[in-house]
């Protein structure tokens, strides 16, 4: 999981910079909390990880209409999607340094609040709306 996070953090192929960011964020966790930060990180990733995803498919015959199908995500894909969501949300805030943003997002999601949890709930609501196509399983 550490390698996956480091690869997602890297920009322009500079993994050393992303390793430093990840190490700084872990050090900040250890300095600020008495609890084990691994448990907090795991709890945050579990709360972010989506069970459902909406996939878009084109219809060939009818003027290229898009149909959206909800489907259940496997365990490996759930964790990778959770990490991608986490990294994408940390990049949007410009005011703080990257490692502090990463720690803030992990803490808010571990407490089951914040923008990532809201995004997951919105995704579930959208998948629930599109559930009439759920029985199509050819993809």
C-alpha atoms as a PDB file:
ATOM      1  CA  UNK A   1       0.000   0.000   0.000  1.00  0.00           C
ATOM      2  CA  UNK A   2       2.914   2.354   0.697  1.00  0.00           C
ATOM      3  CA  UNK A   3       4.316   1.854  -2.803  1.00  0.00           C
ATOM      4  CA  UNK A   4       0.896   2.457  -4.337  1.00  0.00           C
ATOM      5  CA  UNK A   5       0.514   5.725  -2.405  1.00  0.00           C
ATOM      6  CA  UNK A   6       4.017   6.845  -3.342  1.00  0.00           C
ATOM      7  CA  UNK A   7       3.372   6.119  -7.015  1.00  0.00           C
ATOM      8  CA  UNK A   8       0.106   8.054  -6.921  1.00  0.00           C
ATOM      9  CA  UNK A   9       1.775  10.997  -5.179  1.00  0.00           C
ATOM     10  CA  UNK A  10       4.613  11.219  -7.707  1.00  0.00           C
ATOM     11  CA  UNK A  11       4.389  13.913 -10.336  1.00  0.00           C
ATOM     12  CA  UNK A  12       6.597  14.006 -13.430  1.00  0.00           C
ATOM     13  CA  UNK A  13       8.209  10.699 -12.415  1.00  0.00           C
ATOM     14  CA  UNK A  14       9.914  12.045  -9.276  1.00  0.00           C
ATOM     15  CA  UNK A  15       9.369   9.299  -6.721  1.00  0.00           C
ATOM     16  CA  UNK A  16      11.935  10.674  -4.272  1.00  0.00           C
ATOM     17  CA  UNK A  17       9.813  13.778  -3.732  1.00  0.00           C
ATOM     18  CA  UNK A  18       6.707  11.682  -3.162  1.00  0.00           C
ATOM     19  CA  UNK A  19       8.596   9.414  -0.727  1.00  0.00           C
ATOM     20  CA  UNK A  20       9.641  12.487   1.267  1.00  0.00           C
ATOM     21  CA  UNK A  21       6.039  13.729   1.350  1.00  0.00           C
ATOM     22  CA  UNK A  22       4.781  10.358   2.586  1.00  0.00           C
ATOM     23  CA  UNK A  23       7.512  10.105   5.260  1.00  0.00           C
ATOM     24  CA  UNK A  24       6.784  13.645   6.470  1.00  0.00           C
ATOM     25  CA  UNK A  25       3.102  12.866   6.798  1.00  0.00           C
ATOM     26  CA  UNK A  26       3.807   9.674   8.765  1.00  0.00           C
ATOM     27  CA  UNK A  27       6.200  11.576  11.067  1.00  0.00           C
ATOM     28  CA  UNK A  28       3.515  14.201  11.636  1.00  0.00           C
ATOM     29  CA  UNK A  29       1.105  11.397  12.583  1.00  0.00           C
ATOM     30  CA  UNK A  30       3.560   9.963  15.101  1.00  0.00           C
ATOM     31  CA  UNK A  31       4.274  13.365  16.624  1.00  0.00           C
ATOM     32  CA  UNK A  32       0.667  14.416  17.028  1.00  0.00           C
ATOM     33  CA  UNK A  33      -1.027  11.186  18.149  1.00  0.00           C
ATOM     34  CA  UNK A  34      -0.469   8.628  20.852  1.00  0.00           C
ATOM     35  CA  UNK A  35      -2.409   6.000  18.943  1.00  0.00           C
ATOM     36  CA  UNK A  36      -0.942   3.872  16.203  1.00  0.00           C
ATOM     37  CA  UNK A  37      -1.186   5.837  12.936  1.00  0.00           C
ATOM     38  CA  UNK A  38      -1.444   2.642  10.891  1.00  0.00           C
ATOM     39  CA  UNK A  39      -4.857   1.964  12.428  1.00  0.00           C
ATOM     40  CA  UNK A  40      -6.018   5.496  11.622  1.00  0.00           C
ATOM     41  CA  UNK A  41      -4.804   5.225   8.019  1.00  0.00           C
ATOM     42  CA  UNK A  42      -6.467   1.826   7.562  1.00  0.00           C
ATOM     43  CA  UNK A  43      -9.715   3.104   9.048  1.00  0.00           C
ATOM     44  CA  UNK A  44      -9.658   6.101   6.700  1.00  0.00           C
ATOM     45  CA  UNK A  45      -9.070   3.922   3.642  1.00  0.00           C
ATOM     46  CA  UNK A  46     -11.871   1.552   4.656  1.00  0.00           C
ATOM     47  CA  UNK A  47     -14.322   4.439   5.062  1.00  0.00           C
ATOM     48  CA  UNK A  48     -13.391   5.926   1.673  1.00  0.00           C
ATOM     49  CA  UNK A  49     -13.416   2.673  -0.317  1.00  0.00           C
ATOM     50  CA  UNK A  50     -16.526   2.503  -2.526  1.00  0.00           C
ATOM     51  CA  UNK A  51     -18.562  -0.686  -2.875  1.00  0.00           C
ATOM     52  CA  UNK A  52     -20.294   0.461  -6.058  1.00  0.00           C
ATOM     53  CA  UNK A  53     -19.083   2.202  -9.170  1.00  0.00           C
ATOM     54  CA  UNK A  54     -21.016   3.554 -12.134  1.00  0.00           C
ATOM     55  CA  UNK A  55     -19.744   2.547 -15.563  1.00  0.00           C
ATOM     56  CA  UNK A  56     -20.793   4.200 -18.826  1.00  0.00           C
ATOM     57  CA  UNK A  57     -21.421   2.248 -22.028  1.00  0.00           C
ATOM     58  CA  UNK A  58     -22.435   3.452 -25.474  1.00  0.00           C
ATOM     59  CA  UNK A  59     -25.317   1.958 -27.365  1.00  0.00           C
ATOM     60  CA  UNK A  60     -24.357   1.096 -30.921  1.00  0.00           C
ATOM     61  CA  UNK A  61     -27.725   1.399 -32.586  1.00  0.00           C
ATOM     62  CA  UNK A  62     -29.441   4.426 -31.079  1.00  0.00           C
ATOM     63  CA  UNK A  63     -27.517   7.639 -31.823  1.00  0.00           C
ATOM     64  CA  UNK A  64     -24.714   6.887 -29.393  1.00  0.00           C
ATOM     65  CA  UNK A  65     -26.690   7.236 -26.181  1.00  0.00           C
ATOM     66  CA  UNK A  66     -24.790   6.552 -22.992  1.00  0.00           C
ATOM     67  CA  UNK A  67     -26.177   4.132 -20.446  1.00  0.00           C
ATOM     68  CA  UNK A  68     -24.794   4.056 -16.950  1.00  0.00           C
ATOM     69  CA  UNK A  69     -24.607   0.794 -15.048  1.00  0.00           C
ATOM     70  CA  UNK A  70     -23.793   0.410 -11.361  1.00  0.00           C
ATOM     71  CA  UNK A  71     -21.590  -2.550 -10.538  1.00  0.00           C
ATOM     72  CA  UNK A  72     -19.881  -3.986  -7.478  1.00  0.00           C
ATOM     73  CA  UNK A  73     -16.147  -3.331  -7.175  1.00  0.00           C
ATOM     74  CA  UNK A  74     -13.681  -6.061  -6.134  1.00  0.00           C
ATOM     75  CA  UNK A  75     -11.458  -5.721  -3.052  1.00  0.00           C
ATOM     76  CA  UNK A  76      -8.254  -4.807  -4.909  1.00  0.00           C
ATOM     77  CA  UNK A  77     -10.017  -2.191  -6.960  1.00  0.00           C
ATOM     78  CA  UNK A  78     -11.742  -0.788  -3.874  1.00  0.00           C
ATOM     79  CA  UNK A  79      -8.462   0.048  -2.150  1.00  0.00           C
ATOM     80  CA  UNK A  80      -6.890   1.476  -5.296  1.00  0.00           C
ATOM     81  CA  UNK A  81      -9.974   3.642  -5.923  1.00  0.00           C
ATOM     82  CA  UNK A  82      -9.867   4.842  -2.320  1.00  0.00           C
ATOM     83  CA  UNK A  83      -6.212   5.824  -2.610  1.00  0.00           C
ATOM     84  CA  UNK A  84      -6.828   7.623  -5.911  1.00  0.00           C
ATOM     85  CA  UNK A  85      -9.718   9.587  -4.406  1.00  0.00           C
ATOM     86  CA  UNK A  86      -7.563  10.525  -1.421  1.00  0.00           C
ATOM     87  CA  UNK A  87      -4.668  11.759  -3.544  1.00  0.00           C
ATOM     88  CA  UNK A  88      -6.931  13.668  -5.947  1.00  0.00           C
ATOM     89  CA  UNK A  89      -8.676  15.496  -3.101  1.00  0.00           C
ATOM     90  CA  UNK A  90      -5.402  16.466  -1.403  1.00  0.00           C
ATOM     91  CA  UNK A  91      -4.094  18.076  -4.571  1.00  0.00           C
ATOM     92  CA  UNK A  92      -6.969  20.559  -4.792  1.00  0.00           C
ATOM     93  CA  UNK A  93      -6.216  22.488  -1.592  1.00  0.00           C
ATOM     94  CA  UNK A  94      -3.460  25.034  -2.322  1.00  0.00           C
ATOM     95  CA  UNK A  95      -3.167  26.779   1.048  1.00  0.00           C
ATOM     96  CA  UNK A  96      -1.307  24.028   2.943  1.00  0.00           C
ATOM     97  CA  UNK A  97       1.714  21.874   2.249  1.00  0.00           C
ATOM     98  CA  UNK A  98       1.053  18.495   0.699  1.00  0.00           C
ATOM     99  CA  UNK A  99       1.925  16.334   3.685  1.00  0.00           C
ATOM    100  CA  UNK A 100      -0.298  18.415   5.965  1.00  0.00           C
ATOM    101  CA  UNK A 101      -3.164  18.153   3.480  1.00  0.00           C
ATOM    102  CA  UNK A 102      -2.701  14.391   3.376  1.00  0.00           C
ATOM    103  CA  UNK A 103      -2.816  14.134   7.168  1.00  0.00           C
ATOM    104  CA  UNK A 104      -5.909  16.373   7.350  1.00  0.00           C
ATOM    105  CA  UNK A 105      -7.809  14.310   4.780  1.00  0.00           C
ATOM    106  CA  UNK A 106      -6.879  11.054   6.511  1.00  0.00           C
ATOM    107  CA  UNK A 107      -8.055  12.390   9.881  1.00  0.00           C
ATOM    108  CA  UNK A 108     -11.372  13.716   8.596  1.00  0.00           C
ATOM    109  CA  UNK A 109     -12.158  10.475   6.796  1.00  0.00           C
ATOM    110  CA  UNK A 110     -11.142   8.379   9.806  1.00  0.00           C
ATOM    111  CA  UNK A 111     -13.703  10.377  11.814  1.00  0.00           C
ATOM    112  CA  UNK A 112     -16.305   9.602   9.117  1.00  0.00           C
ATOM    113  CA  UNK A 113     -16.694  13.217   8.017  1.00  0.00           C
ATOM    114  CA  UNK A 114     -15.293  15.424   5.293  1.00  0.00           C
ATOM    115  CA  UNK A 115     -15.517  15.787   1.558  1.00  0.00           C
ATOM    116  CA  UNK A 116     -14.446  12.237   0.673  1.00  0.00           C
ATOM    117  CA  UNK A 117     -17.220  10.645   2.707  1.00  0.00           C
ATOM    118  CA  UNK A 118     -19.748  13.001   1.113  1.00  0.00           C
ATOM    119  CA  UNK A 119     -18.444  12.093  -2.340  1.00  0.00           C
ATOM    120  CA  UNK A 120     -18.868   8.387  -1.561  1.00  0.00           C
ATOM    121  CA  UNK A 121     -22.439   8.964  -0.355  1.00  0.00           C
ATOM    122  CA  UNK A 122     -23.256  10.934  -3.514  1.00  0.00           C
ATOM    123  CA  UNK A 123     -21.859   8.092  -5.614  1.00  0.00           C
ATOM    124  CA  UNK A 124     -24.074   5.593  -3.773  1.00  0.00           C
ATOM    125  CA  UNK A 125     -27.115   7.799  -4.284  1.00  0.00           C
ATOM    126  CA  UNK A 126     -26.376   8.092  -8.001  1.00  0.00           C
ATOM    127  CA  UNK A 127     -25.861   4.333  -8.309  1.00  0.00           C
ATOM    128  CA  UNK A 128     -29.175   3.779  -6.520  1.00  0.00           C
ATOM    129  CA  UNK A 129     -30.881   5.987  -9.099  1.00  0.00           C
ATOM    130  CA  UNK A 130     -29.320   3.965 -11.926  1.00  0.00           C
ATOM    131  CA  UNK A 131     -30.130   0.595 -10.370  1.00  0.00           C
ATOM    132  CA  UNK A 132     -32.783  -0.207 -12.978  1.00  0.00           C
ATOM    133  CA  UNK A 133     -29.930  -1.334 -15.267  1.00  0.00           C
ATOM    134  CA  UNK A 134     -28.234  -3.383 -12.543  1.00  0.00           C
ATOM    135  CA  UNK A 135     -29.222  -6.760 -13.998  1.00  0.00           C
ATOM    136  CA  UNK A 136     -27.148  -6.195 -17.175  1.00  0.00           C
ATOM    137  CA  UNK A 137     -23.912  -8.074 -16.453  1.00  0.00           C
ATOM    138  CA  UNK A 138     -22.244  -8.553 -19.840  1.00  0.00           C
ATOM    139  CA  UNK A 139     -19.420  -6.066 -19.198  1.00  0.00           C
END
